C-alpha cells in the first residue's frame, strides 16, 4: 500500500474576483480549490521539460520544479535563469525524482524588479481576501526557536541519563539520533568503478528515502549531500569530465 504524501499549505494573496472565479471553476469541475489553483498557475506560466533547461531565457526570474502529479520539488530565483540552470546543484536529484519533471518560470525585466517582488512577498503577511495568513513571520521565528530548544533538551536528557547510568534508556534514545562520521556499509568493485547515484547511496546507508536523509541532515544542520559524503567516505563527482551528471565515487587518498 503506498505511503500517504505529506502535504503543505500556503496562503495566496489575490483579488476577490479571482477568488470568485476559483470557486466557480471548483464547483463546475468538482475539483478541490487547490487543484484548480495549480491548474491555473501551470497553464498561465511558461514551462519546459527538465532536459530542455538550456532553452531557458537569459533573464532574471523565479522558477519552480514540479513532477507530473504536480508535486513541487523546488522553488528558486536567479539573476539569469539559463546560467543558473547550466549547473544547478539539485539537477541530479530532480532527474532521479522523475525524468518527466518540468521547470515552470516567470521572468522580470531587471534584477531590481526581481528583488523588489521577492521583498514584497517576504514581508509579513496581513489579512487577505482568503482570510488570515497561515503563518506570520513572528510565528515562524517562534517555531524555529522552539525546535532549537527541543533539540537542546533532547541532548541534555541523553547526557543526564548517561551520568545516571541508565544504559537501557540511553541506548533507546541514542537510536533516534542521526549517525555521524563514516559508517560501515557494503559496496563492490563495480560500485567503485561506476559510482553510485544519490538514491543508491541513500539506500546503501539504510535511510530508505531521500526525505529520511534530508530530515536527519536538517536536524544536524548540515547539507544533505555533505552528510552523505561524511557517512560514506565517498565524494560526489561528475560521471566523466565535462558532464553535468554526477555520482558518488570513493574519495581519493591524499
Protein backbone atom coordinates (compact mmCIF):
# COMPACT_ATOMS: atom_id res chain seq x y z
CA UNK A 1 0.00 0.00 0.00
CA UNK A 2 1.54 3.37 -0.99
CA UNK A 3 2.52 5.73 1.79
CA UNK A 4 0.50 8.96 2.02
CA UNK A 5 2.28 12.01 0.62
CA UNK A 6 2.82 14.80 3.13
CA UNK A 7 1.01 17.98 2.19
CA UNK A 8 1.81 21.60 2.89
CA UNK A 9 -0.26 24.78 2.95
CA UNK A 10 0.26 28.23 1.50
CA UNK A 11 -1.65 31.49 1.63
CA UNK A 12 -2.20 33.21 -1.72
CA UNK A 13 -2.91 36.93 -1.86
CA UNK A 14 -5.35 37.64 -4.68
CA UNK A 15 -8.32 39.92 -5.54
CA UNK A 16 -11.88 38.88 -4.70
CA UNK A 17 -12.76 38.50 -8.39
CA UNK A 18 -10.11 35.79 -8.73
CA UNK A 19 -11.35 34.07 -5.57
CA UNK A 20 -14.88 34.01 -7.06
CA UNK A 21 -13.53 32.59 -10.33
CA UNK A 22 -11.71 29.80 -8.45
CA UNK A 23 -14.90 28.96 -6.53
CA UNK A 24 -16.96 28.75 -9.75
CA UNK A 25 -14.41 26.54 -11.52
CA UNK A 26 -14.14 24.24 -8.50
CA UNK A 27 -17.93 23.86 -8.46
CA UNK A 28 -18.16 23.24 -12.21
CA UNK A 29 -15.30 20.74 -12.43
CA UNK A 30 -15.88 19.17 -8.98
CA UNK A 31 -12.20 19.65 -8.20
CA UNK A 32 -10.91 20.95 -4.91
CA UNK A 33 -9.72 24.56 -4.89
CA UNK A 34 -6.05 23.60 -4.57
CA UNK A 35 -6.17 21.58 -7.83
CA UNK A 36 -7.98 24.43 -9.58
CA UNK A 37 -5.32 26.95 -8.48
CA UNK A 38 -2.47 24.64 -9.56
CA UNK A 39 -4.03 24.08 -13.00
CA UNK A 40 -4.49 27.83 -13.43
CA UNK A 41 -0.89 28.54 -12.47
CA UNK A 42 0.61 25.85 -14.69
CA UNK A 43 -1.48 26.82 -17.72
CA UNK A 44 -0.65 30.52 -17.37
CA UNK A 45 3.12 30.22 -16.88
CA UNK A 46 5.71 29.04 -19.44
CA UNK A 47 7.40 25.75 -18.68
CA UNK A 48 9.73 23.27 -20.31
CA UNK A 49 10.98 19.74 -19.76
CA UNK A 50 13.85 19.36 -17.30
CA UNK A 51 16.24 18.24 -20.07
CA UNK A 52 15.46 21.41 -22.08
CA UNK A 53 16.95 23.71 -19.43
CA UNK A 54 19.35 25.23 -21.99
CA UNK A 55 16.30 26.85 -23.63
CA UNK A 56 15.52 28.94 -20.54
CA UNK A 57 15.70 32.70 -21.18
CA UNK A 58 18.86 34.51 -20.08
CA UNK A 59 16.79 36.80 -17.85
CA UNK A 60 16.20 37.26 -14.12
CA UNK A 61 13.27 35.25 -12.82
CA UNK A 62 11.66 32.91 -10.32
CA UNK A 63 11.38 29.22 -11.19
CA UNK A 64 9.81 26.08 -9.76
CA UNK A 65 10.33 22.39 -10.50
CA UNK A 66 7.33 20.06 -10.40
CA UNK A 67 6.51 16.43 -11.17
CA UNK A 68 3.69 15.09 -13.41
CA UNK A 69 1.44 14.71 -10.34
CA UNK A 70 2.05 18.45 -9.64
CA UNK A 71 4.18 17.70 -6.56
CA UNK A 72 6.51 20.65 -6.08
CA UNK A 73 10.20 19.70 -5.79
CA UNK A 74 11.89 23.10 -5.59
CA UNK A 75 11.37 26.85 -5.83
CA UNK A 76 14.22 29.27 -6.53
CA UNK A 77 15.27 32.59 -8.02
CA UNK A 78 18.06 33.56 -10.37
CA UNK A 79 19.58 36.73 -11.83
CA UNK A 80 19.98 34.72 -15.05
CA UNK A 81 17.77 31.63 -15.42
CA UNK A 82 19.77 30.00 -18.23
CA UNK A 83 23.10 30.47 -16.43
CA UNK A 84 21.65 29.24 -13.13
CA UNK A 85 20.39 26.05 -14.73
CA UNK A 86 23.64 25.45 -16.58
CA UNK A 87 24.98 23.92 -13.36
CA UNK A 88 22.08 23.58 -10.91
CA UNK A 89 23.27 21.73 -7.79
CA UNK A 90 19.99 19.78 -7.49
CA UNK A 91 19.67 18.75 -11.15
CA UNK A 92 20.58 15.11 -10.47
CA UNK A 93 18.05 14.97 -7.63
CA UNK A 94 15.30 16.28 -9.96
CA UNK A 95 16.23 13.68 -12.61
CA UNK A 96 16.16 10.87 -10.06
CA UNK A 97 12.81 12.08 -8.68
CA UNK A 98 11.18 11.97 -12.12
CA UNK A 99 12.52 12.22 -15.66
CA UNK A 100 9.21 13.89 -16.53
CA UNK A 101 9.78 16.82 -14.17
CA UNK A 102 9.26 20.28 -15.63
CA UNK A 103 10.62 23.74 -14.92
CA UNK A 104 8.00 26.48 -14.69
CA UNK A 105 9.18 30.07 -14.60
CA UNK A 106 8.32 33.74 -14.97
CA UNK A 107 10.79 36.44 -15.84
CA UNK A 108 11.45 40.09 -14.93
CA UNK A 109 12.81 42.98 -16.96
CA UNK A 110 15.61 43.59 -14.49
CA UNK A 111 17.29 42.14 -11.40
CA UNK A 112 15.97 45.08 -9.36
CA UNK A 113 12.38 44.17 -10.32
CA UNK A 114 13.05 40.59 -9.23
CA UNK A 115 14.43 41.72 -5.86
CA UNK A 116 11.53 44.14 -5.30
CA UNK A 117 8.99 41.35 -5.90
CA UNK A 118 10.79 38.98 -3.53
CA UNK A 119 10.95 41.67 -0.84
CA UNK A 120 7.22 42.30 -1.18
CA UNK A 121 6.30 38.64 -0.72
CA UNK A 122 8.89 38.16 2.03
CA UNK A 123 7.18 40.82 4.12
CA UNK A 124 4.99 39.66 6.96
CA UNK A 125 1.56 38.68 5.50
CA UNK A 126 -1.52 40.60 6.61
CA UNK A 127 -5.25 39.98 6.21
CA UNK A 128 -6.08 38.71 2.71
CA UNK A 129 -9.20 38.03 0.67
CA UNK A 130 -8.92 34.38 1.65
CA UNK A 131 -8.57 35.03 5.38
CA UNK A 132 -5.70 35.38 7.85
CA UNK A 133 -2.22 34.26 6.79
CA UNK A 134 -1.46 30.70 7.90
CA UNK A 135 1.91 31.55 9.47
CA UNK A 136 3.22 35.03 10.19
CA UNK A 137 6.90 35.94 10.26
CA UNK A 138 6.83 36.18 14.08
CA UNK A 139 5.15 32.77 14.39
CA UNK A 140 7.72 31.20 12.07
CA UNK A 141 10.57 32.69 14.12
CA UNK A 142 8.96 31.37 17.33
CA UNK A 143 8.63 27.93 15.76
CA UNK A 144 12.35 27.86 14.84
CA UNK A 145 13.24 28.84 18.41
CA UNK A 146 11.01 26.07 19.80
CA UNK A 147 12.65 23.46 17.54
CA UNK A 148 16.12 24.62 18.65
CA UNK A 149 15.04 24.45 22.30
CA UNK A 150 13.63 20.92 21.88
CA UNK A 151 16.87 19.75 20.23
CA UNK A 152 18.85 21.17 23.16
CA UNK A 153 16.53 19.48 25.66
CA UNK A 154 16.89 16.16 23.85
CA UNK A 155 20.69 16.26 24.04
CA UNK A 156 20.58 17.33 27.71
CA UNK A 157 18.28 14.39 28.52
CA UNK A 158 20.67 11.96 26.84
CA UNK A 159 23.61 13.40 28.80
CA UNK A 160 21.70 13.27 32.10
CA UNK A 161 20.75 9.61 31.61
CA UNK A 162 24.35 8.77 30.75
CA UNK A 163 25.52 10.35 34.01
CA UNK A 164 22.87 8.43 35.95
CA UNK A 165 23.97 5.17 34.35
CA UNK A 166 20.56 4.45 32.78
CA UNK A 167 22.12 2.48 29.95
CA UNK A 168 18.97 0.83 28.61
CA UNK A 169 17.10 4.11 28.26
CA UNK A 170 20.18 5.82 26.91
CA UNK A 171 20.56 3.27 24.10
CA UNK A 172 16.92 3.73 23.12
CA UNK A 173 17.31 7.49 22.95
CA UNK A 174 20.59 7.33 21.05
CA UNK A 175 18.91 5.15 18.43
CA UNK A 176 16.92 8.23 17.39
CA UNK A 177 19.98 10.40 16.89
CA UNK A 178 21.23 10.58 13.27
CA UNK A 179 24.62 8.86 12.85
CA UNK A 180 27.82 10.90 12.48
CA UNK A 181 31.15 10.02 10.91
CA UNK A 182 32.00 7.39 8.33
CA UNK A 183 29.81 4.29 8.59
CA UNK A 184 30.36 0.62 7.77
CA UNK A 185 28.41 -0.18 4.61
CA UNK A 186 28.61 -2.61 1.70
CA UNK A 187 29.84 -1.87 -1.81
CA UNK A 188 31.53 -3.86 -4.55
CA UNK A 189 34.22 -3.42 -7.18
CA UNK A 190 31.73 -2.35 -9.84
CA UNK A 191 30.38 0.31 -7.47
CA UNK A 192 33.83 1.85 -7.05
CA UNK A 193 34.37 1.97 -10.83
CA UNK A 194 30.91 3.11 -11.97
CA UNK A 195 29.99 5.11 -8.88
CA UNK A 196 26.64 5.23 -7.08
CA UNK A 197 23.70 7.54 -7.71
CA UNK A 198 22.41 9.64 -4.84
CA UNK A 199 19.36 7.38 -4.39
CA UNK A 200 21.52 4.23 -4.46
CA UNK A 201 23.82 5.60 -1.77
CA UNK A 202 20.84 6.63 0.36
CA UNK A 203 19.60 3.02 0.22
CA UNK A 204 23.04 1.56 0.98
CA UNK A 205 23.28 3.75 4.09
CA UNK A 206 19.86 2.48 5.24
CA UNK A 207 17.93 5.76 5.07
CA UNK A 208 15.28 4.29 2.78
CA UNK A 209 14.12 7.60 1.28
CA UNK A 210 15.57 10.98 0.34
CA UNK A 211 13.23 12.61 2.86
CA UNK A 212 14.62 10.49 5.71
CA UNK A 213 18.15 11.59 4.80
CA UNK A 214 17.13 15.25 4.47
CA UNK A 215 15.27 15.17 7.82
CA UNK A 216 18.40 13.81 9.52
CA UNK A 217 20.59 16.42 7.80
CA UNK A 218 18.20 19.19 8.85
CA UNK A 219 18.37 18.01 12.46
CA UNK A 220 22.17 18.11 12.32
CA UNK A 221 22.12 21.40 10.37
CA UNK A 222 24.29 20.05 7.53
CA UNK A 223 23.82 19.92 3.74
CA UNK A 224 22.29 16.52 2.75
CA UNK A 225 24.97 15.77 0.13
CA UNK A 226 27.77 16.73 2.52
CA UNK A 227 26.14 14.41 5.07
CA UNK A 228 26.15 11.57 2.52
CA UNK A 229 29.85 12.19 1.89
CA UNK A 230 30.58 12.16 5.62
CA UNK A 231 28.73 8.88 6.22
CA UNK A 232 30.05 7.06 3.14
CA UNK A 233 33.56 8.46 2.81
CA UNK A 234 32.78 8.92 -0.91
CA UNK A 235 32.64 12.20 -2.86
CA UNK A 236 30.14 13.46 -5.40
CA UNK A 237 31.89 13.88 -8.75
CA UNK A 238 30.98 14.17 -12.47
CA UNK A 239 30.49 10.80 -14.18
CA UNK A 240 33.03 11.95 -16.76
CA UNK A 241 34.96 15.13 -17.42
CA UNK A 242 32.69 17.95 -18.56
CA UNK A 243 29.48 16.03 -17.74
CA UNK A 244 26.64 17.51 -15.69
CA UNK A 245 25.71 14.02 -14.47
CA UNK A 246 27.21 13.18 -11.10
CA UNK A 247 27.65 10.11 -8.93
CA UNK A 248 29.43 9.27 -5.70
CA UNK A 249 32.89 7.73 -6.00
CA UNK A 250 35.47 6.67 -3.37
CA UNK A 251 37.38 9.71 -2.13
CA UNK A 252 40.95 9.86 -3.39
CA UNK A 253 43.51 9.41 -0.64
CA UNK A 254 45.81 12.38 -0.21
